[in-house]
PDB file of N, CA and C in Angstrom:
ATOM      1  N   LYS A   1      -1.396  22.263 -10.837  1.00  0.00           N
ATOM      2  CA  LYS A   1      -2.419  21.967  -9.907  1.00  0.00           C
ATOM      3  C   LYS A   1      -3.737  21.538 -10.614  1.00  0.00           C
ATOM      4  N   GLY A   2      -4.034  22.322 -11.605  1.00  0.00           N
ATOM      5  CA  GLY A   2      -5.346  21.932 -12.408  1.00  0.00           C
ATOM      6  C   GLY A   2      -5.121  20.708 -13.197  1.00  0.00           C
ATOM      7  N   ASP A   3      -3.931  20.434 -13.661  1.00  0.00           N
ATOM      8  CA  ASP A   3      -3.681  19.259 -14.506  1.00  0.00           C
ATOM      9  C   ASP A   3      -4.012  17.998 -13.674  1.00  0.00           C
ATOM     10  N   SER A   4      -3.695  17.975 -12.414  1.00  0.00           N
ATOM     11  CA  SER A   4      -3.889  16.807 -11.528  1.00  0.00           C
ATOM     12  C   SER A   4      -5.411  16.500 -11.492  1.00  0.00           C
ATOM     13  N   ALA A   5      -6.217  17.511 -11.230  1.00  0.00           N
ATOM     14  CA  ALA A   5      -7.630  17.263 -11.167  1.00  0.00           C
ATOM     15  C   ALA A   5      -8.279  16.880 -12.500  1.00  0.00           C
ATOM     16  N   SER A   6      -7.711  17.431 -13.532  1.00  0.00           N
ATOM     17  CA  SER A   6      -8.254  17.141 -14.915  1.00  0.00           C
ATOM     18  C   SER A   6      -7.878  15.701 -15.265  1.00  0.00           C
ATOM     19  N   SER A   7      -6.761  15.242 -14.742  1.00  0.00           N
ATOM     20  CA  SER A   7      -6.253  13.889 -15.087  1.00  0.00           C
ATOM     21  C   SER A   7      -7.203  12.849 -14.449  1.00  0.00           C
ATOM     22  N   THR A   8      -7.790  13.183 -13.376  1.00  0.00           N
ATOM     23  CA  THR A   8      -8.650  12.204 -12.572  1.00  0.00           C
ATOM     24  C   THR A   8     -10.080  12.418 -12.933  1.00  0.00           C
ATOM     25  N   THR A   9     -10.463  13.289 -13.784  1.00  0.00           N
ATOM     26  CA  THR A   9     -11.843  13.492 -14.132  1.00  0.00           C
ATOM     27  C   THR A   9     -12.238  12.675 -15.388  1.00  0.00           C
ATOM     28  N   PRO A  10     -11.569  12.652 -16.375  1.00  0.00           N
ATOM     29  CA  PRO A  10     -12.017  11.958 -17.622  1.00  0.00           C
ATOM     30  C   PRO A  10     -12.082  10.458 -17.430  1.00  0.00           C
ATOM     31  N   PRO A  11     -11.158   9.849 -16.678  1.00  0.00           N
ATOM     32  CA  PRO A  11     -11.214   8.382 -16.448  1.00  0.00           C
ATOM     33  C   PRO A  11     -12.220   7.991 -15.434  1.00  0.00           C
ATOM     34  N   THR A  12     -13.352   8.673 -15.357  1.00  0.00           N
ATOM     35  CA  THR A  12     -14.374   8.326 -14.371  1.00  0.00           C
ATOM     36  C   THR A  12     -15.751   8.446 -14.938  1.00  0.00           C
ATOM     37  N   PRO A  13     -16.052   7.819 -16.092  1.00  0.00           N
ATOM     38  CA  PRO A  13     -17.382   7.947 -16.693  1.00  0.00           C
ATOM     39  C   PRO A  13     -18.374   6.972 -16.100  1.00  0.00           C
ATOM     40  N   THR A  14     -18.003   5.791 -15.806  1.00  0.00           N
ATOM     41  CA  THR A  14     -18.914   4.773 -15.227  1.00  0.00           C
ATOM     42  C   THR A  14     -19.057   4.919 -13.760  1.00  0.00           C
ATOM     43  N   PRO A  15     -17.940   5.151 -13.052  1.00  0.00           N
ATOM     44  CA  PRO A  15     -17.971   5.268 -11.543  1.00  0.00           C
ATOM     45  C   PRO A  15     -18.924   6.383 -11.120  1.00  0.00           C
ATOM     46  N   THR A  16     -19.171   7.320 -12.014  1.00  0.00           N
ATOM     47  CA  THR A  16     -20.080   8.458 -11.586  1.00  0.00           C
ATOM     48  C   THR A  16     -21.476   7.864 -11.287  1.00  0.00           C
ATOM     49  N   THR A  17     -21.961   6.941 -12.103  1.00  0.00           N
ATOM     50  CA  THR A  17     -23.293   6.363 -11.894  1.00  0.00           C
ATOM     51  C   THR A  17     -23.307   5.503 -10.620  1.00  0.00           C
ATOM     52  N   THR A  18     -22.207   4.768 -10.366  1.00  0.00           N
ATOM     53  CA  THR A  18     -22.103   3.891  -9.199  1.00  0.00           C
ATOM     54  C   THR A  18     -22.120   4.766  -7.944  1.00  0.00           C
ATOM     55  N   ALA A  19     -21.329   5.868  -7.979  1.00  0.00           N
ATOM     56  CA  ALA A  19     -21.235   6.764  -6.803  1.00  0.00           C
ATOM     57  C   ALA A  19     -22.549   7.394  -6.531  1.00  0.00           C
ATOM     58  N   GLU A  20     -23.345   7.661  -7.502  1.00  0.00           N
ATOM     59  CA  GLU A  20     -24.638   8.282  -7.305  1.00  0.00           C
ATOM     60  C   GLU A  20     -25.578   7.274  -6.701  1.00  0.00           C
ATOM     61  N   SER A  21     -25.477   6.027  -7.101  1.00  0.00           N
ATOM     62  CA  SER A  21     -26.388   5.005  -6.609  1.00  0.00           C
ATOM     63  C   SER A  21     -26.108   4.676  -5.198  1.00  0.00           C
ATOM     64  N   ALA A  22     -24.873   4.748  -4.758  1.00  0.00           N
ATOM     65  CA  ALA A  22     -24.499   4.446  -3.440  1.00  0.00           C
ATOM     66  C   ALA A  22     -25.083   5.426  -2.427  1.00  0.00           C
ATOM     67  N   PRO A  23     -24.921   6.660  -2.592  1.00  0.00           N
ATOM     68  CA  PRO A  23     -25.468   7.659  -1.671  1.00  0.00           C
ATOM     69  C   PRO A  23     -27.037   7.597  -1.667  1.00  0.00           C
ATOM     70  N   ARG A  24     -27.560   7.179  -2.781  1.00  0.00           N
ATOM     71  CA  ARG A  24     -29.026   7.131  -2.836  1.00  0.00           C
ATOM     72  C   ARG A  24     -29.514   5.988  -1.852  1.00  0.00           C
ATOM     73  N   LEU A  25     -28.834   4.930  -1.948  1.00  0.00           N
ATOM     74  CA  LEU A  25     -29.258   3.765  -1.083  1.00  0.00           C
ATOM     75  C   LEU A  25     -29.037   4.213   0.371  1.00  0.00           C
ATOM     76  N   PHE A  26     -27.924   4.845   0.704  1.00  0.00           N
ATOM     77  CA  PHE A  26     -27.693   5.242   2.103  1.00  0.00           C
ATOM     78  C   PHE A  26     -28.791   6.196   2.548  1.00  0.00           C
ATOM     79  N   ALA A  27     -29.181   7.086   1.670  1.00  0.00           N
ATOM     80  CA  ALA A  27     -30.154   8.044   2.052  1.00  0.00           C
ATOM     81  C   ALA A  27     -31.485   7.397   2.400  1.00  0.00           C
ATOM     82  N   THR A  28     -31.830   6.330   1.626  1.00  0.00           N
ATOM     83  CA  THR A  28     -33.071   5.635   1.858  1.00  0.00           C
ATOM     84  C   THR A  28     -33.046   4.897   3.168  1.00  0.00           C
ATOM     85  N   ALA A  29     -31.798   4.292   3.490  1.00  0.00           N
ATOM     86  CA  ALA A  29     -31.624   3.544   4.660  1.00  0.00           C
ATOM     87  C   ALA A  29     -31.704   4.445   5.871  1.00  0.00           C
ATOM     88  N   LYS A  30     -31.165   5.608   5.720  1.00  0.00           N
ATOM     89  CA  LYS A  30     -31.188   6.548   6.849  1.00  0.00           C
ATOM     90  C   LYS A  30     -32.550   7.052   7.122  1.00  0.00           C
ATOM     91  N   GLY A  31     -33.283   7.346   6.140  1.00  0.00           N
ATOM     92  CA  GLY A  31     -34.687   7.827   6.311  1.00  0.00           C
ATOM     93  C   GLY A  31     -35.518   6.719   6.939  1.00  0.00           C
ATOM     94  N   LYS A  32     -35.334   5.515   6.544  1.00  0.00           N
ATOM     95  CA  LYS A  32     -36.107   4.340   7.044  1.00  0.00           C
ATOM     96  C   LYS A  32     -35.268   3.542   8.006  1.00  0.00           C
ATOM     97  N   GLN A  33     -35.276   3.971   9.282  1.00  0.00           N
ATOM     98  CA  GLN A  33     -34.418   3.273  10.261  1.00  0.00           C
ATOM     99  C   GLN A  33     -34.850   1.792  10.401  1.00  0.00           C
ATOM    100  N   PRO A  34     -36.124   1.531  10.435  1.00  0.00           N
ATOM    101  CA  PRO A  34     -36.611   0.100  10.597  1.00  0.00           C
ATOM    102  C   PRO A  34     -36.051  -0.750   9.416  1.00  0.00           C
ATOM    103  N   LEU A  35     -36.095  -0.208   8.295  1.00  0.00           N
ATOM    104  CA  LEU A  35     -35.618  -0.900   7.139  1.00  0.00           C
ATOM    105  C   LEU A  35     -34.186  -1.348   7.300  1.00  0.00           C
ATOM    106  N   LYS A  36     -33.402  -0.407   7.764  1.00  0.00           N
ATOM    107  CA  LYS A  36     -31.952  -0.684   7.917  1.00  0.00           C
ATOM    108  C   LYS A  36     -31.778  -1.792   8.976  1.00  0.00           C
ATOM    109  N   ALA A  37     -32.608  -1.780   9.996  1.00  0.00           N
ATOM    110  CA  ALA A  37     -32.493  -2.807  10.999  1.00  0.00           C
ATOM    111  C   ALA A  37     -32.953  -4.147  10.530  1.00  0.00           C
ATOM    112  N   THR A  38     -34.003  -4.109   9.688  1.00  0.00           N
ATOM    113  CA  THR A  38     -34.516  -5.360   9.188  1.00  0.00           C
ATOM    114  C   THR A  38     -33.555  -5.906   8.124  1.00  0.00           C
ATOM    115  N   THR A  39     -33.100  -5.074   7.274  1.00  0.00           N
ATOM    116  CA  THR A  39     -32.198  -5.599   6.203  1.00  0.00           C
ATOM    117  C   THR A  39     -30.881  -4.751   6.151  1.00  0.00           C
ATOM    118  N   PRO A  40     -29.993  -5.019   7.086  1.00  0.00           N
ATOM    119  CA  PRO A  40     -28.751  -4.280   7.174  1.00  0.00           C
ATOM    120  C   PRO A  40     -27.723  -4.846   6.171  1.00  0.00           C
ATOM    121  N   VAL A  41     -28.151  -5.886   5.444  1.00  0.00           N
ATOM    122  CA  VAL A  41     -27.280  -6.477   4.444  1.00  0.00           C
ATOM    123  C   VAL A  41     -27.428  -5.871   3.073  1.00  0.00           C
ATOM    124  N   GLU A  42     -28.588  -5.230   2.844  1.00  0.00           N
ATOM    125  CA  GLU A  42     -28.825  -4.598   1.600  1.00  0.00           C
ATOM    126  C   GLU A  42     -27.837  -3.621   1.120  1.00  0.00           C
ATOM    127  N   PRO A  43     -27.611  -2.566   1.905  1.00  0.00           N
ATOM    128  CA  PRO A  43     -26.653  -1.511   1.598  1.00  0.00           C
ATOM    129  C   PRO A  43     -25.255  -2.060   1.528  1.00  0.00           C
ATOM    130  N   THR A  44     -24.939  -2.858   2.516  1.00  0.00           N
ATOM    131  CA  THR A  44     -23.555  -3.482   2.618  1.00  0.00           C
ATOM    132  C   THR A  44     -23.301  -4.403   1.460  1.00  0.00           C
ATOM    133  N   ASP A  45     -24.343  -5.254   1.204  1.00  0.00           N
ATOM    134  CA  ASP A  45     -24.193  -6.225   0.158  1.00  0.00           C
ATOM    135  C   ASP A  45     -23.935  -5.555  -1.172  1.00  0.00           C
ATOM    136  N   LEU A  46     -24.699  -4.511  -1.463  1.00  0.00           N
ATOM    137  CA  LEU A  46     -24.557  -3.754  -2.717  1.00  0.00           C
ATOM    138  C   LEU A  46     -23.162  -3.140  -2.792  1.00  0.00           C
ATOM    139  N   GLN A  47     -22.751  -2.534  -1.784  1.00  0.00           N
ATOM    140  CA  GLN A  47     -21.425  -1.881  -1.736  1.00  0.00           C
ATOM    141  C   GLN A  47     -20.352  -2.953  -1.908  1.00  0.00           C
ATOM    142  N   ARG A  48     -20.561  -4.002  -1.118  1.00  0.00           N
ATOM    143  CA  ARG A  48     -19.507  -5.067  -1.122  1.00  0.00           C
ATOM    144  C   ARG A  48     -19.432  -5.752  -2.577  1.00  0.00           C
ATOM    145  N   THR A  49     -20.629  -5.912  -3.179  1.00  0.00           N
ATOM    146  CA  THR A  49     -20.640  -6.537  -4.489  1.00  0.00           C
ATOM    147  C   THR A  49     -19.938  -5.633  -5.496  1.00  0.00           C
ATOM    148  N   LYS A  50     -20.128  -4.333  -5.376  1.00  0.00           N
ATOM    149  CA  LYS A  50     -19.451  -3.410  -6.363  1.00  0.00           C
ATOM    150  C   LYS A  50     -17.957  -3.488  -6.154  1.00  0.00           C
ATOM    151  N   ALA A  51     -17.590  -3.407  -4.870  1.00  0.00           N
ATOM    152  CA  ALA A  51     -16.144  -3.447  -4.586  1.00  0.00           C
ATOM    153  C   ALA A  51     -15.537  -4.769  -5.041  1.00  0.00           C
ATOM    154  N   GLU A  52     -16.236  -5.845  -4.807  1.00  0.00           N
ATOM    155  CA  GLU A  52     -15.680  -7.187  -5.181  1.00  0.00           C
ATOM    156  C   GLU A  52     -15.584  -7.234  -6.705  1.00  0.00           C
ATOM    157  N   GLN A  53     -16.624  -6.761  -7.349  1.00  0.00           N
ATOM    158  CA  GLN A  53     -16.710  -6.820  -8.845  1.00  0.00           C
ATOM    159  C   GLN A  53     -15.478  -6.038  -9.389  1.00  0.00           C
ATOM    160  N   LEU A  54     -15.213  -4.877  -8.826  1.00  0.00           N
ATOM    161  CA  LEU A  54     -14.041  -4.075  -9.257  1.00  0.00           C
ATOM    162  C   LEU A  54     -12.757  -4.840  -9.058  1.00  0.00           C
ATOM    163  N   LYS A  55     -12.647  -5.439  -7.868  1.00  0.00           N
ATOM    164  CA  LYS A  55     -11.436  -6.205  -7.582  1.00  0.00           C
ATOM    165  C   LYS A  55     -11.299  -7.402  -8.579  1.00  0.00           C
ATOM    166  N   ILE A  56     -12.452  -8.082  -8.809  1.00  0.00           N
ATOM    167  CA  ILE A  56     -12.399  -9.225  -9.652  1.00  0.00           C
ATOM    168  C   ILE A  56     -12.005  -8.812 -11.113  1.00  0.00           C
ATOM    169  N   ILE A  57     -12.607  -7.746 -11.482  1.00  0.00           N
ATOM    170  CA  ILE A  57     -12.273  -7.230 -12.928  1.00  0.00           C
ATOM    171  C   ILE A  57     -10.770  -6.885 -12.980  1.00  0.00           C
ATOM    172  N   LEU A  58     -10.272  -6.305 -11.980  1.00  0.00           N
ATOM    173  CA  LEU A  58      -8.796  -5.892 -11.963  1.00  0.00           C
ATOM    174  C   LEU A  58      -7.977  -7.210 -11.960  1.00  0.00           C
ATOM    175  N   LYS A  59      -8.412  -8.121 -11.118  1.00  0.00           N
ATOM    176  CA  LYS A  59      -7.639  -9.373 -10.995  1.00  0.00           C
ATOM    177  C   LYS A  59      -7.755 -10.162 -12.373  1.00  0.00           C
ATOM    178  N   ARG A  60      -8.892 -10.140 -12.835  1.00  0.00           N
ATOM    179  CA  ARG A  60      -9.186 -10.912 -14.069  1.00  0.00           C
ATOM    180  C   ARG A  60      -8.327 -10.333 -15.172  1.00  0.00           C
ATOM    181  N   SER A  61      -8.262  -9.047 -15.236  1.00  0.00           N
ATOM    182  CA  SER A  61      -7.548  -8.369 -16.339  1.00  0.00           C
ATOM    183  C   SER A  61      -6.047  -8.816 -16.235  1.00  0.00           C
ATOM    184  N   ARG A  62      -5.570  -8.937 -15.025  1.00  0.00           N
ATOM    185  CA  ARG A  62      -4.098  -9.329 -14.811  1.00  0.00           C
ATOM    186  C   ARG A  62      -3.961 -10.811 -15.003  1.00  0.00           C
ATOM    187  N   ARG A  63      -4.737 -11.680 -14.398  1.00  0.00           N
ATOM    188  CA  ARG A  63      -4.599 -13.125 -14.525  1.00  0.00           C
ATOM    189  C   ARG A  63      -5.838 -13.674 -15.146  1.00  0.00           C
ATOM    190  N   GLU A  64      -6.273 -13.304 -16.342  1.00  0.00           N
ATOM    191  CA  GLU A  64      -7.517 -13.799 -16.836  1.00  0.00           C
ATOM    192  C   GLU A  64      -7.281 -15.259 -17.323  1.00  0.00           C
ATOM    193  N   THR A  65      -6.123 -15.579 -17.935  1.00  0.00           N
ATOM    194  CA  THR A  65      -5.841 -16.839 -18.373  1.00  0.00           C
ATOM    195  C   THR A  65      -5.554 -17.808 -17.172  1.00  0.00           C
ATOM    196  N   HIS A  66      -4.836 -17.275 -16.206  1.00  0.00           N
ATOM    197  CA  HIS A  66      -4.542 -18.068 -15.053  1.00  0.00           C
ATOM    198  C   HIS A  66      -5.820 -18.646 -14.339  1.00  0.00           C
ATOM    199  N   ILE A  67      -6.703 -17.692 -14.135  1.00  0.00           N
ATOM    200  CA  ILE A  67      -7.965 -18.073 -13.374  1.00  0.00           C
ATOM    201  C   ILE A  67      -8.757 -19.026 -14.296  1.00  0.00           C
ATOM    202  N   SER A  68      -8.735 -18.727 -15.660  1.00  0.00           N
ATOM    203  CA  SER A  68      -9.471 -19.543 -16.560  1.00  0.00           C
ATOM    204  C   SER A  68      -8.965 -20.978 -16.603  1.00  0.00           C
ATOM    205  N   GLN A  69      -7.675 -21.092 -16.581  1.00  0.00           N
ATOM    206  CA  GLN A  69      -7.051 -22.465 -16.667  1.00  0.00           C
ATOM    207  C   GLN A  69      -7.023 -23.060 -15.297  1.00  0.00           C
ATOM    208  N   GLN A  70      -6.800 -22.326 -14.235  1.00  0.00           N
ATOM    209  CA  GLN A  70      -6.777 -22.881 -12.831  1.00  0.00           C
ATOM    210  C   GLN A  70      -8.121 -23.409 -12.398  1.00  0.00           C
ATOM    211  N   SER A  71      -9.013 -22.353 -12.258  1.00  0.00           N
ATOM    212  CA  SER A  71     -10.424 -22.673 -11.790  1.00  0.00           C
ATOM    213  C   SER A  71     -11.361 -21.743 -12.434  1.00  0.00           C
ATOM    214  N   GLY A  72     -12.632 -22.286 -12.589  1.00  0.00           N
ATOM    215  CA  GLY A  72     -13.652 -21.401 -13.212  1.00  0.00           C
ATOM    216  C   GLY A  72     -13.992 -20.256 -12.298  1.00  0.00           C
ATOM    217  N   SER A  73     -14.131 -20.514 -11.020  1.00  0.00           N
ATOM    218  CA  SER A  73     -14.462 -19.568 -10.010  1.00  0.00           C
ATOM    219  C   SER A  73     -13.235 -18.794  -9.520  1.00  0.00           C
ATOM    220  N   GLY A  74     -12.276 -19.490  -9.045  1.00  0.00           N
ATOM    221  CA  GLY A  74     -10.990 -18.852  -8.610  1.00  0.00           C
ATOM    222  C   GLY A  74     -11.292 -18.065  -7.349  1.00  0.00           C
ATOM    223  N   THR A  75     -12.317 -18.383  -6.547  1.00  0.00           N
ATOM    224  CA  THR A  75     -12.551 -17.560  -5.349  1.00  0.00           C
ATOM    225  C   THR A  75     -11.859 -18.209  -4.184  1.00  0.00           C
ATOM    226  N   GLY A  76     -11.823 -19.540  -4.114  1.00  0.00           N
ATOM    227  CA  GLY A  76     -11.150 -20.199  -2.978  1.00  0.00           C
ATOM    228  C   GLY A  76      -9.636 -20.065  -3.084  1.00  0.00           C
ATOM    229  N   GLU A  77      -9.134 -20.069  -4.254  1.00  0.00           N
ATOM    230  CA  GLU A  77      -7.631 -19.922  -4.384  1.00  0.00           C
ATOM    231  C   GLU A  77      -7.266 -18.472  -4.436  1.00  0.00           C
ATOM    232  N   GLY A  78      -7.945 -17.680  -5.290  1.00  0.00           N
ATOM    233  CA  GLY A  78      -7.689 -16.293  -5.448  1.00  0.00           C
ATOM    234  C   GLY A  78      -6.677 -15.854  -4.401  1.00  0.00           C
TER     235      GLY A  78
END
């Protein structure tokens, strides 16, 4: 039981900073309701960017040469 938890703890050095930044943004948006209504894309955009970056990195790692040879962006085809 302990091995499982330990196995998922070491491979998470960078995500720790990202996870801390996410809740921080949410806390600010919650405290400032007007800000959230004025810019509801800030928190979503940040989270979406992180998620997309992670996906892009994973995809790039798998088909780095494919995307490089096929298209520079590879967003429309992806």
